[in-house]
């Protein structure tokens, strides 16, 4: 349903710190071992189908999907399985980890063959078999996103190339270096999904990417997959959080995703530009998702840049292969500084949905002390979802899930805008995350009680 465009209440403008802009994506090689979690997605992961001592080649499946949401996980190097062990994930959950010791041969599996796609079902099967999840950071299974519930009418594929987080530039370089595949992936996805219109959204500080995409769209006009509604390129004003899915939908076509709903409820599907770029490459080559393309940056890094690395390589090894450190790291973040997640161990592996590793110095990572809320309203004015972060923070600290629900805490996209603008340096987004957990726990308890009554 179309609704009036509300825009952003007062978008924020963190320093972009995109020092790696324009740096070509450089492959890093020679990793002696990788440790690959079999759960790198929203929803259940995989069960191991390999054991200690097995020989694997690049592209061999390592895990069998658990349930319809799960996608396979593949070997990113060739060599011998050293171990299959249950370990703790960075978010506190558990998963099996497969460690492979390299044979230095980089042998590609015979399983790697371009898929045959003839209809929507075979396209979805191919997307799932590729192992792809949302590569912009969300890790939502792509084949699920492309298969909305019955009764949803999807008329637009929105391609998210905004990359609004500070530091991160790898999506921009994917556009510059792989524009034809970006467009081809969007065309194939729209065609097999029965979507009539494609809109590609970029920010106006990415002129090189916008130009590359425009030229690629021009070359693709004779494609058999060209949609009836065509392809629009929307160059949006640079602000944060333009790239957040619900915000981008509102900026592109003025539609609002209902509370608790999905983009399909607003008649759109949103895909990250790198996800579509990968889909095009997979349809052409059959090579599943075994590598990841990331920005490595931060004050502690000696040689920042954009890199291609095997999934399962450790952060420590990636830093070393890229050139090492020039200062002691104080904090390491997977993702951007606004929505990324701090990791507890430099030996954590690179995951499918990692788009950046930031290695920050003590000065960069310093957190200011909280002080009392001064009721200035800046957090409310900055919130792209029109919530009241200070009130949500207060309700969380009071352990009040009822008030949190009344104030629509689950609509929070955790962009961090409120924390960024707060003059009292309140830990707003952190407490709002806790508040969402309180609401979910209360709802689960209510369902359990109702089931027993």
Protein backbone atom coordinates (compact mmCIF):
# COMPACT_ATOMS: atom_id res chain seq x y z
CA UNK A 1 0.00 0.00 0.00
CA UNK A 2 1.39 3.40 -0.94
CA UNK A 3 1.63 5.96 1.81
CA UNK A 4 2.78 9.55 1.99
CA UNK A 5 6.57 9.88 2.18
CA UNK A 6 7.54 11.05 5.61
CA UNK A 7 11.28 11.33 5.01
CA UNK A 8 13.74 11.23 7.87
CA UNK A 9 12.90 13.40 10.89
CA UNK A 10 16.42 14.78 11.22
CA UNK A 11 19.04 12.55 9.59
CA UNK A 12 22.46 12.53 11.18
CA UNK A 13 25.81 12.88 9.46
CA UNK A 14 28.61 10.97 11.19
CA UNK A 15 32.06 11.62 9.74
CA UNK A 16 32.25 9.16 6.86
CA UNK A 17 35.92 8.19 7.43
CA UNK A 18 35.86 6.35 4.11
CA UNK A 19 39.62 6.41 3.64
CA UNK A 20 39.47 3.20 1.60
CA UNK A 21 37.15 4.68 -1.03
CA UNK A 22 38.53 3.94 -4.49
CA UNK A 23 40.77 1.12 -3.27
CA UNK A 24 40.39 -1.91 -5.51
CA UNK A 25 39.33 -5.21 -3.92
CA UNK A 26 42.54 -7.19 -3.35
CA UNK A 27 42.49 -10.98 -2.90
CA UNK A 28 44.34 -12.24 0.18
CA UNK A 29 45.71 -15.78 -0.18
CA UNK A 30 47.96 -18.29 1.54
CA UNK A 31 45.81 -19.01 4.60
CA UNK A 32 47.09 -22.14 6.34
CA UNK A 33 43.76 -22.99 7.93
CA UNK A 34 40.19 -21.79 8.22
CA UNK A 35 37.56 -22.43 10.88
CA UNK A 36 34.06 -22.24 9.43
CA UNK A 37 30.93 -22.07 11.63
CA UNK A 38 28.01 -24.06 10.29
CA UNK A 39 25.60 -21.37 11.52
CA UNK A 40 26.07 -18.00 9.80
CA UNK A 41 22.50 -16.90 9.19
CA UNK A 42 19.18 -15.89 10.67
CA UNK A 43 17.47 -19.17 11.54
CA UNK A 44 18.97 -22.62 12.11
CA UNK A 45 22.31 -23.48 10.56
CA UNK A 46 23.65 -26.82 9.36
CA UNK A 47 24.64 -30.23 10.69
CA UNK A 48 28.16 -31.36 9.80
CA UNK A 49 28.47 -33.91 6.99
CA UNK A 50 32.28 -34.08 7.23
CA UNK A 51 34.50 -35.58 9.92
CA UNK A 52 38.07 -35.29 11.13
CA UNK A 53 40.46 -36.59 8.50
CA UNK A 54 38.19 -36.00 5.49
CA UNK A 55 39.67 -34.32 2.44
CA UNK A 56 37.67 -31.40 1.07
CA UNK A 57 38.00 -29.15 -1.94
CA UNK A 58 36.83 -25.58 -2.51
CA UNK A 59 33.06 -25.59 -2.89
CA UNK A 60 32.44 -28.93 -1.18
CA UNK A 61 29.45 -28.79 1.21
CA UNK A 62 30.41 -29.06 4.87
CA UNK A 63 26.96 -29.08 6.41
CA UNK A 64 23.46 -30.32 5.69
CA UNK A 65 20.78 -27.63 6.07
CA UNK A 66 18.46 -27.92 9.08
CA UNK A 67 14.96 -27.05 7.94
CA UNK A 68 13.68 -24.89 5.05
CA UNK A 69 15.34 -21.67 6.25
CA UNK A 70 18.83 -23.10 6.43
CA UNK A 71 21.39 -22.76 3.64
CA UNK A 72 24.45 -24.95 3.05
CA UNK A 73 27.97 -24.02 4.12
CA UNK A 74 30.92 -24.82 1.85
CA UNK A 75 34.67 -25.31 2.14
CA UNK A 76 36.59 -22.13 1.33
CA UNK A 77 40.00 -23.81 0.93
CA UNK A 78 41.09 -27.32 -0.07
CA UNK A 79 42.73 -29.56 2.49
CA UNK A 80 42.06 -31.88 5.42
CA UNK A 81 39.39 -31.51 8.08
CA UNK A 82 41.31 -31.09 11.32
CA UNK A 83 38.30 -31.00 13.65
CA UNK A 84 34.54 -30.65 13.92
CA UNK A 85 33.74 -29.10 17.30
CA UNK A 86 30.88 -27.35 19.02
CA UNK A 87 31.97 -23.82 19.90
CA UNK A 88 30.43 -20.60 21.17
CA UNK A 89 29.46 -18.03 18.58
CA UNK A 90 30.27 -14.35 19.05
CA UNK A 91 26.60 -13.73 19.96
CA UNK A 92 26.69 -16.33 22.73
CA UNK A 93 24.99 -19.14 20.80
CA UNK A 94 26.51 -22.46 19.84
CA UNK A 95 27.37 -24.04 16.49
CA UNK A 96 29.59 -26.68 15.02
CA UNK A 97 32.85 -25.31 13.66
CA UNK A 98 34.74 -27.13 10.90
CA UNK A 99 38.50 -26.47 10.86
CA UNK A 100 40.31 -27.21 7.60
CA UNK A 101 44.11 -27.34 7.23
CA UNK A 102 45.15 -26.17 3.76
CA UNK A 103 46.95 -28.42 1.29
CA UNK A 104 48.07 -25.28 -0.61
CA UNK A 105 46.59 -26.69 -3.83
CA UNK A 106 43.38 -24.62 -4.01
CA UNK A 107 41.61 -27.50 -5.74
CA UNK A 108 38.05 -26.77 -6.83
CA UNK A 109 35.39 -29.39 -6.17
CA UNK A 110 33.67 -31.27 -8.98
CA UNK A 111 30.43 -30.13 -7.29
CA UNK A 112 31.03 -26.61 -8.62
CA UNK A 113 28.82 -26.36 -11.71
CA UNK A 114 26.66 -23.55 -13.01
CA UNK A 115 23.02 -24.25 -12.08
CA UNK A 116 20.30 -24.78 -14.65
CA UNK A 117 17.54 -22.25 -14.05
CA UNK A 118 14.32 -22.52 -16.03
CA UNK A 119 11.66 -21.15 -13.68
CA UNK A 120 11.04 -19.50 -10.33
CA UNK A 121 11.40 -22.74 -8.36
CA UNK A 122 14.74 -23.69 -9.91
CA UNK A 123 15.99 -20.14 -9.37
CA UNK A 124 15.12 -20.28 -5.66
CA UNK A 125 16.74 -23.71 -5.42
CA UNK A 126 19.90 -22.33 -7.02
CA UNK A 127 19.99 -19.33 -4.70
CA UNK A 128 19.64 -21.60 -1.70
CA UNK A 129 22.27 -24.06 -2.96
CA UNK A 130 24.73 -21.18 -3.35
CA UNK A 131 24.72 -20.67 0.41
CA UNK A 132 23.98 -16.97 0.09
CA UNK A 133 22.47 -14.88 2.88
CA UNK A 134 22.10 -11.11 3.04
CA UNK A 135 25.65 -9.90 2.46
CA UNK A 136 25.02 -6.39 3.73
CA UNK A 137 25.19 -7.62 7.31
CA UNK A 138 21.72 -8.97 8.09
CA UNK A 139 22.43 -12.64 7.21
CA UNK A 140 18.76 -13.22 6.32
CA UNK A 141 18.49 -16.26 4.00
CA UNK A 142 18.14 -14.85 0.50
CA UNK A 143 15.94 -17.65 -0.84
CA UNK A 144 13.44 -16.96 1.96
CA UNK A 145 13.38 -13.22 1.27
CA UNK A 146 12.73 -13.93 -2.41
CA UNK A 147 9.83 -16.22 -1.54
CA UNK A 148 7.34 -14.05 0.37
CA UNK A 149 4.18 -15.57 1.89
CA UNK A 150 1.22 -16.21 -0.42
CA UNK A 151 -0.98 -13.21 -1.03
CA UNK A 152 1.83 -10.64 -1.07
CA UNK A 153 2.01 -8.62 -4.28
CA UNK A 154 5.58 -7.51 -4.95
CA UNK A 155 5.96 -4.83 -7.61
CA UNK A 156 9.45 -3.45 -6.89
CA UNK A 157 12.92 -4.83 -6.26
CA UNK A 158 14.92 -2.23 -4.35
CA UNK A 159 18.68 -2.62 -4.66
CA UNK A 160 20.46 -1.29 -1.59
CA UNK A 161 23.76 0.30 -2.57
CA UNK A 162 23.61 3.12 -0.02
CA UNK A 163 26.46 1.91 2.25
CA UNK A 164 25.82 4.72 4.72
CA UNK A 165 27.95 3.41 7.62
CA UNK A 166 31.26 5.19 8.26
CA UNK A 167 34.46 3.45 7.10
CA UNK A 168 32.83 0.82 4.85
CA UNK A 169 33.51 1.12 1.11
CA UNK A 170 33.49 -2.45 -0.23
CA UNK A 171 29.96 -2.23 -1.69
CA UNK A 172 31.02 0.91 -3.52
CA UNK A 173 33.94 -0.98 -5.06
CA UNK A 174 31.69 -3.91 -5.99
CA UNK A 175 29.62 -1.39 -7.97
CA UNK A 176 32.70 0.13 -9.62
CA UNK A 177 34.46 -3.15 -10.42
CA UNK A 178 31.45 -5.40 -11.00
CA UNK A 179 28.64 -3.14 -12.21
CA UNK A 180 27.57 -5.50 -14.99
CA UNK A 181 27.17 -8.38 -12.54
CA UNK A 182 25.32 -6.12 -10.09
CA UNK A 183 22.78 -5.29 -12.79
CA UNK A 184 22.66 -8.87 -14.12
CA UNK A 185 21.94 -10.18 -10.63
CA UNK A 186 19.15 -7.67 -10.18
CA UNK A 187 17.65 -8.51 -13.58
CA UNK A 188 17.73 -12.27 -12.93
CA UNK A 189 16.26 -11.85 -9.47
CA UNK A 190 13.44 -9.62 -10.65
CA UNK A 191 12.69 -11.81 -13.67
CA UNK A 192 12.45 -15.12 -11.85
CA UNK A 193 10.60 -13.49 -8.95
CA UNK A 194 8.00 -11.93 -11.24
CA UNK A 195 8.87 -8.35 -10.24
CA UNK A 196 8.19 -5.65 -12.83
CA UNK A 197 10.38 -2.79 -11.59
CA UNK A 198 13.90 -2.36 -10.21
CA UNK A 199 15.12 0.68 -8.28
CA UNK A 200 18.79 1.01 -7.35
CA UNK A 201 19.45 3.37 -4.42
CA UNK A 202 22.84 5.03 -3.87
CA UNK A 203 23.99 8.03 -1.87
CA UNK A 204 25.29 11.11 -3.65
CA UNK A 205 28.78 10.73 -2.20
CA UNK A 206 29.35 7.65 -4.41
CA UNK A 207 29.57 9.26 -7.82
CA UNK A 208 31.94 6.63 -9.22
CA UNK A 209 29.56 3.82 -8.26
CA UNK A 210 26.53 5.68 -9.64
CA UNK A 211 28.29 6.28 -12.96
CA UNK A 212 29.39 2.63 -13.24
CA UNK A 213 25.85 1.40 -12.52
CA UNK A 214 24.33 3.87 -15.03
CA UNK A 215 26.64 2.59 -17.74
CA UNK A 216 25.90 -1.04 -16.85
CA UNK A 217 22.15 -0.38 -16.96
CA UNK A 218 22.60 1.14 -20.41
CA UNK A 219 24.42 -1.97 -21.61
CA UNK A 220 21.71 -4.23 -20.16
CA UNK A 221 18.71 -2.64 -21.92
CA UNK A 222 18.61 -5.40 -24.53
CA UNK A 223 18.61 -8.16 -21.91
CA UNK A 224 15.87 -10.76 -22.20
CA UNK A 225 15.24 -10.14 -18.49
CA UNK A 226 14.65 -6.38 -18.86
CA UNK A 227 11.59 -5.65 -16.65
CA UNK A 228 8.47 -4.00 -18.03
CA UNK A 229 8.82 -1.21 -15.46
CA UNK A 230 12.49 -0.68 -16.26
CA UNK A 231 15.35 0.18 -13.90
CA UNK A 232 15.50 3.48 -12.02
CA UNK A 233 18.65 4.76 -10.34
CA UNK A 234 17.88 6.92 -7.32
CA UNK A 235 20.78 9.00 -6.06
CA UNK A 236 19.81 9.95 -2.52
CA UNK A 237 21.17 12.69 -0.32
CA UNK A 238 23.98 11.38 1.87
CA UNK A 239 22.77 10.86 5.42
CA UNK A 240 22.49 8.17 8.02
CA UNK A 241 20.81 5.63 8.16
CA UNK A 242 19.79 5.72 4.49
CA UNK A 243 20.84 2.09 4.00
CA UNK A 244 18.58 0.70 6.73
CA UNK A 245 15.98 -1.40 4.91
CA UNK A 246 12.83 0.27 6.25
CA UNK A 247 14.32 3.73 5.83
CA UNK A 248 15.43 3.04 2.27
CA UNK A 249 11.95 1.83 1.33
CA UNK A 250 10.47 5.05 2.68
CA UNK A 251 13.01 7.18 0.82
CA UNK A 252 12.66 5.29 -2.47
CA UNK A 253 8.90 5.06 -2.85
CA UNK A 254 7.27 6.53 0.25
CA UNK A 255 5.96 3.24 1.60
CA UNK A 256 6.03 2.20 5.24
CA UNK A 257 6.62 -1.32 6.49
CA UNK A 258 4.01 -2.00 9.19
CA UNK A 259 5.09 -2.79 12.74
CA UNK A 260 6.14 -6.42 12.96
CA UNK A 261 5.95 -6.68 9.19
CA UNK A 262 8.39 -7.28 6.36
CA UNK A 263 9.17 -5.29 3.19
CA UNK A 264 6.86 -7.69 1.33
CA UNK A 265 4.00 -6.16 3.33
CA UNK A 266 4.82 -2.89 1.55
CA UNK A 267 5.00 -4.55 -1.86
CA UNK A 268 8.80 -4.57 -2.16
CA UNK A 269 11.81 -6.81 -1.75
CA UNK A 270 15.13 -5.23 -0.77
CA UNK A 271 18.45 -6.84 -1.66
CA UNK A 272 21.94 -5.62 -0.92
CA UNK A 273 23.99 -4.83 -4.03
CA UNK A 274 26.69 -7.35 -3.09
CA UNK A 275 24.10 -10.12 -2.71
CA UNK A 276 22.87 -9.53 -6.27
CA UNK A 277 26.45 -9.26 -7.57
CA UNK A 278 27.18 -12.64 -6.01
CA UNK A 279 23.99 -14.21 -7.43
CA UNK A 280 25.03 -13.22 -10.95
CA UNK A 281 28.47 -14.75 -10.44
CA UNK A 282 26.98 -17.95 -9.02
CA UNK A 283 24.53 -18.36 -11.89
CA UNK A 284 27.44 -18.01 -14.32
CA UNK A 285 30.09 -20.13 -12.54
CA UNK A 286 28.38 -22.30 -9.90
CA UNK A 287 30.95 -21.29 -7.28
CA UNK A 288 29.08 -21.08 -3.96
CA UNK A 289 29.68 -18.50 -1.26
CA UNK A 290 33.18 -19.41 -0.09
CA UNK A 291 34.80 -15.97 -0.03
CA UNK A 292 33.81 -12.66 1.51
CA UNK A 293 34.55 -9.14 0.42
CA UNK A 294 35.28 -6.77 3.29
CA UNK A 295 36.66 -3.37 4.20
CA UNK A 296 39.52 -3.56 6.70
CA UNK A 297 40.13 -0.22 8.39
CA UNK A 298 40.69 1.58 11.69
CA UNK A 299 43.49 3.50 13.32
CA UNK A 300 45.37 0.38 14.40
CA UNK A 301 45.60 -1.08 10.86
CA UNK A 302 48.82 -0.53 8.96
CA UNK A 303 47.35 -1.03 5.48
CA UNK A 304 43.59 -0.39 5.27
CA UNK A 305 41.78 -1.53 2.15
CA UNK A 306 39.12 -3.66 0.54
CA UNK A 307 39.90 -7.35 0.46
CA UNK A 308 38.62 -10.72 -0.72
CA UNK A 309 39.20 -13.38 1.96
CA UNK A 310 38.15 -17.00 2.51
CA UNK A 311 35.16 -17.45 4.79
CA UNK A 312 36.46 -18.90 8.05
CA UNK A 313 39.82 -17.14 7.96
CA UNK A 314 40.48 -15.51 11.32
CA UNK A 315 40.47 -11.77 11.85
CA UNK A 316 44.04 -12.09 13.09
CA UNK A 317 45.18 -13.82 9.89
CA UNK A 318 43.34 -11.33 7.68
CA UNK A 319 45.06 -8.43 9.44
CA UNK A 320 48.45 -10.12 9.08
CA UNK A 321 47.95 -10.92 5.37
CA UNK A 322 46.83 -7.34 4.73
CA UNK A 323 49.96 -5.84 6.28
CA UNK A 324 49.59 -6.10 10.04
CA UNK A 325 49.02 -3.53 12.77
CA UNK A 326 50.69 -0.22 13.52
CA UNK A 327 49.20 0.19 17.00
CA UNK A 328 47.71 -1.98 19.72
CA UNK A 329 44.01 -2.59 19.05
CA UNK A 330 41.57 -1.55 21.77
CA UNK A 331 38.37 -2.74 20.08
CA UNK A 332 37.57 -4.84 17.01
CA UNK A 333 34.19 -4.45 15.35
CA UNK A 334 32.55 -6.69 12.75
CA UNK A 335 30.64 -4.22 10.61
CA UNK A 336 30.46 -0.46 10.91
CA UNK A 337 30.84 1.65 14.05
CA UNK A 338 27.11 2.45 14.22
CA UNK A 339 25.51 -0.98 13.86
CA UNK A 340 28.44 -3.39 14.01
CA UNK A 341 29.21 -5.86 16.78
CA UNK A 342 32.35 -5.79 18.93
CA UNK A 343 34.13 -9.15 18.99
CA UNK A 344 35.81 -10.65 22.03
CA UNK A 345 38.64 -12.50 20.29
CA UNK A 346 40.90 -11.60 17.36
CA UNK A 347 40.81 -15.27 16.38
CA UNK A 348 37.11 -15.09 15.51
CA UNK A 349 36.43 -16.19 11.91
CA UNK A 350 35.20 -14.07 9.02
CA UNK A 351 31.51 -14.88 8.45
CA UNK A 352 29.32 -14.79 5.36
CA UNK A 353 27.66 -11.53 6.33
CA UNK A 354 30.73 -9.61 7.53
CA UNK A 355 31.21 -6.53 5.36
CA UNK A 356 33.90 -4.85 7.44
CA UNK A 357 36.45 -5.38 10.17
CA UNK A 358 37.37 -2.24 12.09
CA UNK A 359 40.45 -2.36 14.31
CA UNK A 360 40.28 0.67 16.56
CA UNK A 361 42.87 2.28 18.78
CA UNK A 362 42.18 3.17 22.40
CA UNK A 363 41.49 6.76 21.42
CA UNK A 364 38.99 5.74 18.71
CA UNK A 365 37.25 3.19 20.92
CA UNK A 366 36.92 5.28 24.07
CA UNK A 367 33.36 5.40 25.43
CA UNK A 368 32.23 8.53 27.26
CA UNK A 369 30.62 8.29 30.69
CA UNK A 370 26.83 8.40 30.88
CA UNK A 371 25.15 11.29 32.65
CA UNK A 372 21.52 12.05 33.46
CA UNK A 373 19.03 12.57 30.63
CA UNK A 374 18.36 16.29 30.17
CA UNK A 375 15.07 15.78 28.28
CA UNK A 376 16.36 17.68 25.24
CA UNK A 377 14.46 15.58 22.68
CA UNK A 378 17.38 15.20 20.30
CA UNK A 379 17.05 11.42 20.27
CA UNK A 380 13.39 11.71 19.25
CA UNK A 381 14.19 14.16 16.46
CA UNK A 382 16.98 11.90 15.13
CA UNK A 383 15.06 8.61 15.25
CA UNK A 384 14.23 7.50 11.68
CA UNK A 385 11.42 5.31 13.03
CA UNK A 386 9.83 8.19 14.98
CA UNK A 387 10.21 6.47 18.32
CA UNK A 388 11.02 8.05 21.69
CA UNK A 389 14.39 6.51 22.58
CA UNK A 390 14.71 8.23 25.97
CA UNK A 391 11.35 6.82 27.05
CA UNK A 392 12.30 3.36 25.78
CA UNK A 393 15.58 3.58 27.67
CA UNK A 394 13.74 4.51 30.86
CA UNK A 395 11.20 1.69 30.45
CA UNK A 396 13.99 -0.84 29.90
CA UNK A 397 15.83 0.26 33.03
CA UNK A 398 12.52 -0.07 34.91
CA UNK A 399 12.04 -3.60 33.50
CA UNK A 400 8.65 -2.62 32.07
CA UNK A 401 7.87 -4.72 28.96
CA UNK A 402 4.27 -3.47 28.85
CA UNK A 403 5.34 0.14 28.39
CA UNK A 404 8.02 -0.92 25.91
CA UNK A 405 5.35 -2.63 23.81
CA UNK A 406 3.06 0.38 24.02
CA UNK A 407 5.91 2.55 22.76
CA UNK A 408 6.62 0.16 19.85
CA UNK A 409 10.13 -0.85 20.87
CA UNK A 410 10.19 -3.64 18.28
CA UNK A 411 10.09 -1.00 15.54
CA UNK A 412 13.60 0.11 16.53
CA UNK A 413 16.12 -0.70 13.79
CA UNK A 414 19.08 -0.27 16.19
CA UNK A 415 20.77 2.27 13.94
CA UNK A 416 22.38 4.11 16.86
CA UNK A 417 21.28 7.58 15.76
CA UNK A 418 19.84 8.29 19.20
CA UNK A 419 23.05 7.41 21.00
CA UNK A 420 25.07 9.42 18.49
CA UNK A 421 23.20 12.67 19.12
CA UNK A 422 22.67 12.32 22.89
CA UNK A 423 24.53 15.10 24.75
CA UNK A 424 24.31 13.07 27.98
CA UNK A 425 25.98 10.11 26.21
CA UNK A 426 23.23 7.76 27.34
CA UNK A 427 23.64 4.15 26.22
CA UNK A 428 20.32 4.34 24.44
CA UNK A 429 20.58 1.79 21.65
CA UNK A 430 22.22 -0.76 23.95
CA UNK A 431 19.37 -0.49 26.45
CA UNK A 432 16.74 -0.51 23.70
CA UNK A 433 18.19 -3.83 22.48
CA UNK A 434 17.74 -5.13 26.02
CA UNK A 435 14.20 -3.75 26.00
CA UNK A 436 13.37 -5.69 22.84
CA UNK A 437 14.59 -8.84 24.57
CA UNK A 438 12.33 -8.09 27.55
CA UNK A 439 9.30 -7.75 25.26
CA UNK A 440 10.07 -10.95 23.37
CA UNK A 441 10.57 -12.84 26.63
CA UNK A 442 7.28 -11.50 28.00
CA UNK A 443 5.44 -12.53 24.83
CA UNK A 444 6.99 -16.01 24.96
CA UNK A 445 5.99 -16.40 28.60
CA UNK A 446 2.44 -15.31 27.79
CA UNK A 447 2.21 -17.85 24.97
CA UNK A 448 3.51 -20.61 27.21
CA UNK A 449 1.07 -19.68 29.96
CA UNK A 450 -1.79 -19.59 27.46
CA UNK A 451 -0.83 -22.99 26.14
CA UNK A 452 -0.91 -24.50 29.62
CA UNK A 453 -4.19 -22.94 30.71
